[in-house]
Amino acid sequence: MTRFASILAAMAVSFVGTSAAAANCVAPTNVNELATEIAAGLNQSRRANGAAPLRFNRKLGQAAMIHACDMLVNDFFDHRGSDGSRPQARVQNAGYNDCIVAENIAWGYPRSEQIVTGWMNSPGHRRNMLHPRIEEFGVGITQGPKGPYWVLVVGREC
Protein backbone atom coordinates (compact mmCIF):
# COMPACT_ATOMS: atom_id res chain seq x y z
CA MET A 1 0.00 0.00 0.00
CA THR A 2 2.93 2.38 0.38
CA ARG A 3 3.26 2.55 -3.40
CA PHE A 4 -0.43 3.53 -3.61
CA ALA A 5 0.08 6.32 -1.10
CA SER A 6 3.06 7.69 -3.04
CA ILE A 7 1.12 7.61 -6.29
CA LEU A 8 -1.84 9.34 -4.66
CA ALA A 9 0.35 12.06 -3.18
CA ALA A 10 2.09 12.70 -6.49
CA MET A 11 -1.24 12.72 -8.32
CA ALA A 12 -2.84 15.07 -5.79
CA VAL A 13 0.06 17.51 -5.87
CA SER A 14 0.27 17.52 -9.66
CA PHE A 15 -3.49 17.73 -10.16
CA VAL A 16 -4.34 20.29 -7.52
CA GLY A 17 -2.49 23.01 -9.40
CA THR A 18 -4.37 22.49 -12.66
CA SER A 19 -7.36 24.79 -12.15
CA ALA A 20 -8.16 28.10 -10.54
CA ALA A 21 -10.57 26.47 -8.08
CA ALA A 22 -7.99 23.86 -7.18
CA ALA A 23 -5.67 26.61 -5.94
CA ASN A 24 -7.83 26.69 -2.80
CA CYS A 25 -7.95 22.91 -2.53
CA VAL A 26 -5.99 21.54 0.42
CA ALA A 27 -5.26 17.90 1.14
CA PRO A 28 -4.85 16.85 4.78
CA THR A 29 -1.24 16.70 5.93
CA ASN A 30 -1.63 12.94 6.43
CA VAL A 31 -3.33 12.31 3.06
CA ASN A 32 -1.01 9.37 2.27
CA GLU A 33 -1.91 7.61 5.50
CA LEU A 34 -5.64 8.29 5.07
CA ALA A 35 -5.73 7.13 1.45
CA THR A 36 -3.81 3.98 2.34
CA GLU A 37 -6.29 3.27 5.14
CA ILE A 38 -9.26 3.76 2.81
CA ALA A 39 -7.67 1.41 0.26
CA ALA A 40 -6.94 -1.20 2.94
CA GLY A 41 -10.46 -0.96 4.39
CA LEU A 42 -12.03 -1.19 0.94
CA ASN A 43 -10.08 -4.30 0.01
CA GLN A 44 -10.49 -5.88 3.44
CA SER A 45 -14.27 -5.42 3.11
CA ARG A 46 -14.20 -6.95 -0.36
CA ARG A 47 -12.18 -9.98 0.78
CA ALA A 48 -14.47 -10.48 3.79
CA ASN A 49 -17.41 -10.60 1.38
CA GLY A 50 -15.82 -12.95 -1.15
CA ALA A 51 -14.88 -10.28 -3.70
CA ALA A 52 -11.48 -9.77 -5.28
CA PRO A 53 -9.41 -6.79 -4.12
CA LEU A 54 -9.32 -3.69 -6.32
CA ARG A 55 -6.28 -2.02 -7.91
CA PHE A 56 -5.54 1.70 -7.63
CA ASN A 57 -6.10 3.58 -10.88
CA ARG A 58 -4.53 7.02 -11.30
CA LYS A 59 -7.32 8.29 -13.58
CA LEU A 60 -10.00 7.29 -11.09
CA GLY A 61 -7.92 8.99 -8.39
CA GLN A 62 -7.82 12.14 -10.49
CA ALA A 63 -11.60 12.08 -10.96
CA ALA A 64 -12.07 11.55 -7.20
CA MET A 65 -9.74 14.44 -6.37
CA ILE A 66 -11.49 16.71 -8.88
CA HIS A 67 -14.78 16.12 -7.12
CA ALA A 68 -13.34 16.39 -3.60
CA CYS A 69 -11.78 19.75 -4.54
CA ASP A 70 -14.97 20.95 -6.20
CA MET A 71 -17.04 20.16 -3.10
CA LEU A 72 -14.50 21.84 -0.82
CA VAL A 73 -13.98 25.00 -2.87
CA ASN A 74 -17.67 25.45 -3.74
CA ASP A 75 -18.97 24.40 -0.30
CA PHE A 76 -21.46 21.68 -1.24
CA PHE A 77 -21.94 17.95 -0.75
CA ASP A 78 -23.46 16.04 -3.67
CA HIS A 79 -22.62 13.58 -6.44
CA ARG A 80 -23.47 16.28 -8.97
CA GLY A 81 -20.55 18.67 -9.42
CA SER A 82 -20.83 22.45 -9.28
CA ASP A 83 -20.71 22.38 -13.09
CA GLY A 84 -23.53 19.80 -13.25
CA SER A 85 -21.13 16.91 -13.93
CA ARG A 86 -21.83 13.35 -12.77
CA PRO A 87 -19.25 10.71 -11.79
CA GLN A 88 -19.21 9.12 -15.24
CA ALA A 89 -18.42 12.43 -16.94
CA ARG A 90 -15.63 13.14 -14.44
CA VAL A 91 -13.94 9.77 -14.99
CA GLN A 92 -14.26 10.14 -18.76
CA ASN A 93 -12.77 13.65 -18.56
CA ALA A 94 -9.86 12.11 -16.65
CA GLY A 95 -9.30 9.73 -19.59
CA TYR A 96 -10.92 6.63 -18.10
CA ASN A 97 -12.97 4.61 -20.63
CA ASP A 98 -15.54 3.19 -18.23
CA CYS A 99 -17.85 0.24 -18.67
CA ILE A 100 -19.05 0.73 -15.11
CA VAL A 101 -18.38 3.46 -12.57
CA ALA A 102 -19.72 4.34 -9.12
CA GLU A 103 -18.89 6.98 -6.55
CA ASN A 104 -19.10 7.12 -2.75
CA ILE A 105 -18.74 10.45 -0.95
CA ALA A 106 -18.49 11.39 2.71
CA TRP A 107 -17.95 14.63 4.58
CA GLY A 108 -16.75 15.70 7.98
CA TYR A 109 -15.65 12.37 9.42
CA PRO A 110 -12.15 12.84 10.85
CA ARG A 111 -11.00 9.20 10.65
CA SER A 112 -10.80 6.91 7.64
CA GLU A 113 -12.12 3.85 9.49
CA GLN A 114 -15.35 5.77 10.12
CA ILE A 115 -15.72 6.28 6.38
CA VAL A 116 -15.30 2.64 5.36
CA THR A 117 -17.58 1.47 8.19
CA GLY A 118 -20.20 4.06 7.30
CA TRP A 119 -20.14 3.15 3.62
CA MET A 120 -20.35 -0.56 4.41
CA ASN A 121 -23.41 0.11 6.63
CA SER A 122 -25.19 1.99 3.84
CA PRO A 123 -26.84 -0.32 1.28
CA GLY A 124 -26.06 1.84 -1.77
CA HIS A 125 -22.47 2.59 -0.81
CA ARG A 126 -21.89 -1.05 0.14
CA ARG A 127 -23.24 -2.16 -3.24
CA ASN A 128 -20.76 0.17 -4.96
CA MET A 129 -17.81 -1.14 -2.93
CA LEU A 130 -18.68 -4.82 -3.38
CA HIS A 131 -19.90 -4.71 -6.98
CA PRO A 132 -18.63 -7.88 -8.66
CA ARG A 133 -17.71 -6.20 -11.97
CA ILE A 134 -15.50 -3.39 -10.66
CA GLU A 135 -11.73 -3.85 -10.76
CA GLU A 136 -10.17 -0.50 -9.86
CA PHE A 137 -10.54 2.46 -7.53
CA GLY A 138 -9.34 5.99 -6.88
CA VAL A 139 -9.52 8.15 -3.76
CA GLY A 140 -9.73 11.93 -3.31
CA ILE A 141 -9.43 13.60 0.09
CA THR A 142 -9.46 17.32 0.84
CA GLN A 143 -9.38 19.21 4.13
CA GLY A 144 -11.70 22.13 4.76
CA PRO A 145 -12.67 24.19 7.77
CA LYS A 146 -15.76 21.99 8.30
CA GLY A 147 -13.78 18.76 8.01
CA PRO A 148 -12.50 16.49 5.26
CA TYR A 149 -14.29 15.59 2.05
CA TRP A 150 -13.80 11.96 1.03
CA VAL A 151 -14.46 10.60 -2.46
CA LEU A 152 -14.09 6.98 -3.58
CA VAL A 153 -14.56 6.21 -7.28
CA VAL A 154 -14.70 2.58 -8.38
CA GLY A 155 -14.95 1.23 -11.89
CA ARG A 156 -13.90 -1.05 -14.70
CA GLU A 157 -12.53 0.05 -18.06
CA CYS A 158 -13.97 -1.26 -21.30
C-alpha atoms as a PDB file:
ATOM      1  CA  MET A   1       0.000   0.000   0.000  1.00  0.00           C
ATOM      2  CA  THR A   2       2.934   2.378   0.380  1.00  0.00           C
ATOM      3  CA  ARG A   3       3.257   2.549  -3.400  1.00  0.00           C
ATOM      4  CA  PHE A   4      -0.428   3.529  -3.614  1.00  0.00           C
ATOM      5  CA  ALA A   5       0.077   6.322  -1.098  1.00  0.00           C
ATOM      6  CA  SER A   6       3.059   7.690  -3.042  1.00  0.00           C
ATOM      7  CA  ILE A   7       1.122   7.607  -6.290  1.00  0.00           C
ATOM      8  CA  LEU A   8      -1.845   9.345  -4.660  1.00  0.00           C
ATOM      9  CA  ALA A   9       0.351  12.059  -3.184  1.00  0.00           C
ATOM     10  CA  ALA A  10       2.092  12.698  -6.491  1.00  0.00           C
ATOM     11  CA  MET A  11      -1.242  12.725  -8.321  1.00  0.00           C
ATOM     12  CA  ALA A  12      -2.837  15.070  -5.791  1.00  0.00           C
ATOM     13  CA  VAL A  13       0.061  17.510  -5.867  1.00  0.00           C
ATOM     14  CA  SER A  14       0.266  17.520  -9.659  1.00  0.00           C
ATOM     15  CA  PHE A  15      -3.492  17.729 -10.157  1.00  0.00           C
ATOM     16  CA  VAL A  16      -4.345  20.294  -7.521  1.00  0.00           C
ATOM     17  CA  GLY A  17      -2.492  23.010  -9.399  1.00  0.00           C
ATOM     18  CA  THR A  18      -4.370  22.486 -12.657  1.00  0.00           C
ATOM     19  CA  SER A  19      -7.356  24.794 -12.150  1.00  0.00           C
ATOM     20  CA  ALA A  20      -8.162  28.097 -10.544  1.00  0.00           C
ATOM     21  CA  ALA A  21     -10.573  26.468  -8.080  1.00  0.00           C
ATOM     22  CA  ALA A  22      -7.985  23.858  -7.184  1.00  0.00           C
ATOM     23  CA  ALA A  23      -5.668  26.611  -5.939  1.00  0.00           C
ATOM     24  CA  ASN A  24      -7.830  26.692  -2.799  1.00  0.00           C
ATOM     25  CA  CYS A  25      -7.949  22.907  -2.534  1.00  0.00           C
ATOM     26  CA  VAL A  26      -5.989  21.538   0.416  1.00  0.00           C
ATOM     27  CA  ALA A  27      -5.263  17.896   1.137  1.00  0.00           C
ATOM     28  CA  PRO A  28      -4.851  16.848   4.781  1.00  0.00           C
ATOM     29  CA  THR A  29      -1.235  16.702   5.932  1.00  0.00           C
ATOM     30  CA  ASN A  30      -1.630  12.943   6.429  1.00  0.00           C
ATOM     31  CA  VAL A  31      -3.325  12.314   3.058  1.00  0.00           C
ATOM     32  CA  ASN A  32      -1.012   9.373   2.271  1.00  0.00           C
ATOM     33  CA  GLU A  33      -1.908   7.615   5.496  1.00  0.00           C
ATOM     34  CA  LEU A  34      -5.644   8.293   5.071  1.00  0.00           C
ATOM     35  CA  ALA A  35      -5.729   7.129   1.450  1.00  0.00           C
ATOM     36  CA  THR A  36      -3.811   3.977   2.340  1.00  0.00           C
ATOM     37  CA  GLU A  37      -6.287   3.269   5.145  1.00  0.00           C
ATOM     38  CA  ILE A  38      -9.264   3.763   2.806  1.00  0.00           C
ATOM     39  CA  ALA A  39      -7.673   1.409   0.264  1.00  0.00           C
ATOM     40  CA  ALA A  40      -6.943  -1.199   2.942  1.00  0.00           C
ATOM     41  CA  GLY A  41     -10.462  -0.964   4.389  1.00  0.00           C
ATOM     42  CA  LEU A  42     -12.028  -1.187   0.937  1.00  0.00           C
ATOM     43  CA  ASN A  43     -10.076  -4.304   0.007  1.00  0.00           C
ATOM     44  CA  GLN A  44     -10.489  -5.879   3.438  1.00  0.00           C
ATOM     45  CA  SER A  45     -14.268  -5.417   3.108  1.00  0.00           C
ATOM     46  CA  ARG A  46     -14.199  -6.946  -0.363  1.00  0.00           C
ATOM     47  CA  ARG A  47     -12.179  -9.981   0.776  1.00  0.00           C
ATOM     48  CA  ALA A  48     -14.475 -10.478   3.790  1.00  0.00           C
ATOM     49  CA  ASN A  49     -17.412 -10.603   1.385  1.00  0.00           C
ATOM     50  CA  GLY A  50     -15.821 -12.952  -1.153  1.00  0.00           C
ATOM     51  CA  ALA A  51     -14.884 -10.275  -3.700  1.00  0.00           C
ATOM     52  CA  ALA A  52     -11.477  -9.769  -5.281  1.00  0.00           C
ATOM     53  CA  PRO A  53      -9.407  -6.788  -4.124  1.00  0.00           C
ATOM     54  CA  LEU A  54      -9.316  -3.687  -6.320  1.00  0.00           C
ATOM     55  CA  ARG A  55      -6.282  -2.020  -7.914  1.00  0.00           C
ATOM     56  CA  PHE A  56      -5.538   1.696  -7.627  1.00  0.00           C
ATOM     57  CA  ASN A  57      -6.098   3.584 -10.881  1.00  0.00           C
ATOM     58  CA  ARG A  58      -4.527   7.016 -11.305  1.00  0.00           C
ATOM     59  CA  LYS A  59      -7.315   8.287 -13.584  1.00  0.00           C
ATOM     60  CA  LEU A  60     -10.005   7.291 -11.094  1.00  0.00           C
ATOM     61  CA  GLY A  61      -7.923   8.986  -8.393  1.00  0.00           C
ATOM     62  CA  GLN A  62      -7.820  12.142 -10.486  1.00  0.00           C
ATOM     63  CA  ALA A  63     -11.604  12.079 -10.955  1.00  0.00           C
ATOM     64  CA  ALA A  64     -12.069  11.545  -7.203  1.00  0.00           C
ATOM     65  CA  MET A  65      -9.742  14.441  -6.370  1.00  0.00           C
ATOM     66  CA  ILE A  66     -11.486  16.706  -8.875  1.00  0.00           C
ATOM     67  CA  HIS A  67     -14.778  16.124  -7.124  1.00  0.00           C
ATOM     68  CA  ALA A  68     -13.340  16.392  -3.598  1.00  0.00           C
ATOM     69  CA  CYS A  69     -11.775  19.748  -4.544  1.00  0.00           C
ATOM     70  CA  ASP A  70     -14.969  20.946  -6.202  1.00  0.00           C
ATOM     71  CA  MET A  71     -17.041  20.162  -3.103  1.00  0.00           C
ATOM     72  CA  LEU A  72     -14.498  21.844  -0.817  1.00  0.00           C
ATOM     73  CA  VAL A  73     -13.983  24.997  -2.867  1.00  0.00           C
ATOM     74  CA  ASN A  74     -17.666  25.452  -3.736  1.00  0.00           C
ATOM     75  CA  ASP A  75     -18.972  24.402  -0.302  1.00  0.00           C
ATOM     76  CA  PHE A  76     -21.461  21.676  -1.236  1.00  0.00           C
ATOM     77  CA  PHE A  77     -21.937  17.946  -0.747  1.00  0.00           C
ATOM     78  CA  ASP A  78     -23.461  16.044  -3.668  1.00  0.00           C
ATOM     79  CA  HIS A  79     -22.620  13.580  -6.437  1.00  0.00           C
ATOM     80  CA  ARG A  80     -23.466  16.283  -8.975  1.00  0.00           C
ATOM     81  CA  GLY A  81     -20.546  18.669  -9.420  1.00  0.00           C
ATOM     82  CA  SER A  82     -20.832  22.448  -9.285  1.00  0.00           C
ATOM     83  CA  ASP A  83     -20.706  22.375 -13.091  1.00  0.00           C
ATOM     84  CA  GLY A  84     -23.531  19.800 -13.255  1.00  0.00           C
ATOM     85  CA  SER A  85     -21.133  16.905 -13.930  1.00  0.00           C
ATOM     86  CA  ARG A  86     -21.834  13.354 -12.773  1.00  0.00           C
ATOM     87  CA  PRO A  87     -19.255  10.712 -11.786  1.00  0.00           C
ATOM     88  CA  GLN A  88     -19.210   9.117 -15.241  1.00  0.00           C
ATOM     89  CA  ALA A  89     -18.421  12.426 -16.944  1.00  0.00           C
ATOM     90  CA  ARG A  90     -15.629  13.139 -14.442  1.00  0.00           C
ATOM     91  CA  VAL A  91     -13.939   9.766 -14.988  1.00  0.00           C
ATOM     92  CA  GLN A  92     -14.258  10.138 -18.755  1.00  0.00           C
ATOM     93  CA  ASN A  93     -12.770  13.650 -18.562  1.00  0.00           C
ATOM     94  CA  ALA A  94      -9.855  12.112 -16.652  1.00  0.00           C
ATOM     95  CA  GLY A  95      -9.304   9.734 -19.588  1.00  0.00           C
ATOM     96  CA  TYR A  96     -10.924   6.627 -18.099  1.00  0.00           C
ATOM     97  CA  ASN A  97     -12.969   4.608 -20.633  1.00  0.00           C
ATOM     98  CA  ASP A  98     -15.539   3.194 -18.226  1.00  0.00           C
ATOM     99  CA  CYS A  99     -17.852   0.238 -18.674  1.00  0.00           C
ATOM    100  CA  ILE A 100     -19.048   0.735 -15.114  1.00  0.00           C
ATOM    101  CA  VAL A 101     -18.382   3.460 -12.569  1.00  0.00           C
ATOM    102  CA  ALA A 102     -19.724   4.343  -9.123  1.00  0.00           C
ATOM    103  CA  GLU A 103     -18.895   6.978  -6.546  1.00  0.00           C
ATOM    104  CA  ASN A 104     -19.096   7.123  -2.748  1.00  0.00           C
ATOM    105  CA  ILE A 105     -18.741  10.446  -0.951  1.00  0.00           C
ATOM    106  CA  ALA A 106     -18.488  11.393   2.711  1.00  0.00           C
ATOM    107  CA  TRP A 107     -17.952  14.630   4.578  1.00  0.00           C
ATOM    108  CA  GLY A 108     -16.753  15.696   7.979  1.00  0.00           C
ATOM    109  CA  TYR A 109     -15.652  12.368   9.421  1.00  0.00           C
ATOM    110  CA  PRO A 110     -12.154  12.841  10.855  1.00  0.00           C
ATOM    111  CA  ARG A 111     -11.002   9.198  10.654  1.00  0.00           C
ATOM    112  CA  SER A 112     -10.796   6.909   7.639  1.00  0.00           C
ATOM    113  CA  GLU A 113     -12.119   3.846   9.486  1.00  0.00           C
ATOM    114  CA  GLN A 114     -15.347   5.773  10.120  1.00  0.00           C
ATOM    115  CA  ILE A 115     -15.725   6.277   6.377  1.00  0.00           C
ATOM    116  CA  VAL A 116     -15.302   2.642   5.358  1.00  0.00           C
ATOM    117  CA  THR A 117     -17.578   1.469   8.190  1.00  0.00           C
ATOM    118  CA  GLY A 118     -20.204   4.064   7.303  1.00  0.00           C
ATOM    119  CA  TRP A 119     -20.136   3.150   3.624  1.00  0.00           C
ATOM    120  CA  MET A 120     -20.355  -0.560   4.410  1.00  0.00           C
ATOM    121  CA  ASN A 121     -23.405   0.112   6.634  1.00  0.00           C
ATOM    122  CA  SER A 122     -25.195   1.995   3.835  1.00  0.00           C
ATOM    123  CA  PRO A 123     -26.840  -0.321   1.281  1.00  0.00           C
ATOM    124  CA  GLY A 124     -26.056   1.839  -1.772  1.00  0.00           C
ATOM    125  CA  HIS A 125     -22.467   2.588  -0.807  1.00  0.00           C
ATOM    126  CA  ARG A 126     -21.890  -1.052   0.143  1.00  0.00           C
ATOM    127  CA  ARG A 127     -23.243  -2.159  -3.244  1.00  0.00           C
ATOM    128  CA  ASN A 128     -20.756   0.168  -4.964  1.00  0.00           C
ATOM    129  CA  MET A 129     -17.815  -1.139  -2.934  1.00  0.00           C
ATOM    130  CA  LEU A 130     -18.680  -4.818  -3.378  1.00  0.00           C
ATOM    131  CA  HIS A 131     -19.902  -4.710  -6.982  1.00  0.00           C
ATOM    132  CA  PRO A 132     -18.631  -7.885  -8.658  1.00  0.00           C
ATOM    133  CA  ARG A 133     -17.713  -6.198 -11.970  1.00  0.00           C
ATOM    134  CA  ILE A 134     -15.500  -3.391 -10.657  1.00  0.00           C
ATOM    135  CA  GLU A 135     -11.732  -3.852 -10.756  1.00  0.00           C
ATOM    136  CA  GLU A 136     -10.170  -0.498  -9.863  1.00  0.00           C
ATOM    137  CA  PHE A 137     -10.540   2.455  -7.527  1.00  0.00           C
ATOM    138  CA  GLY A 138      -9.342   5.991  -6.880  1.00  0.00           C
ATOM    139  CA  VAL A 139      -9.522   8.154  -3.763  1.00  0.00           C
ATOM    140  CA  GLY A 140      -9.731  11.927  -3.305  1.00  0.00           C
ATOM    141  CA  ILE A 141      -9.426  13.595   0.091  1.00  0.00           C
ATOM    142  CA  THR A 142      -9.462  17.320   0.841  1.00  0.00           C
ATOM    143  CA  GLN A 143      -9.385  19.206   4.125  1.00  0.00           C
ATOM    144  CA  GLY A 144     -11.700  22.128   4.757  1.00  0.00           C
ATOM    145  CA  PRO A 145     -12.675  24.189   7.772  1.00  0.00           C
ATOM    146  CA  LYS A 146     -15.760  21.993   8.295  1.00  0.00           C
ATOM    147  CA  GLY A 147     -13.782  18.756   8.014  1.00  0.00           C
ATOM    148  CA  PRO A 148     -12.498  16.487   5.262  1.00  0.00           C
ATOM    149  CA  TYR A 149     -14.287  15.590   2.049  1.00  0.00           C
ATOM    150  CA  TRP A 150     -13.801  11.958   1.033  1.00  0.00           C
ATOM    151  CA  VAL A 151     -14.456  10.600  -2.465  1.00  0.00           C
ATOM    152  CA  LEU A 152     -14.090   6.982  -3.581  1.00  0.00           C
ATOM    153  CA  VAL A 153     -14.561   6.208  -7.277  1.00  0.00           C
ATOM    154  CA  VAL A 154     -14.704   2.575  -8.381  1.00  0.00           C
ATOM    155  CA  GLY A 155     -14.949   1.234 -11.895  1.00  0.00           C
ATOM    156  CA  ARG A 156     -13.901  -1.051 -14.696  1.00  0.00           C
ATOM    157  CA  GLU A 157     -12.534   0.050 -18.059  1.00  0.00           C
ATOM    158  CA  CYS A 158     -13.968  -1.262 -21.302  1.00  0.00           C
END
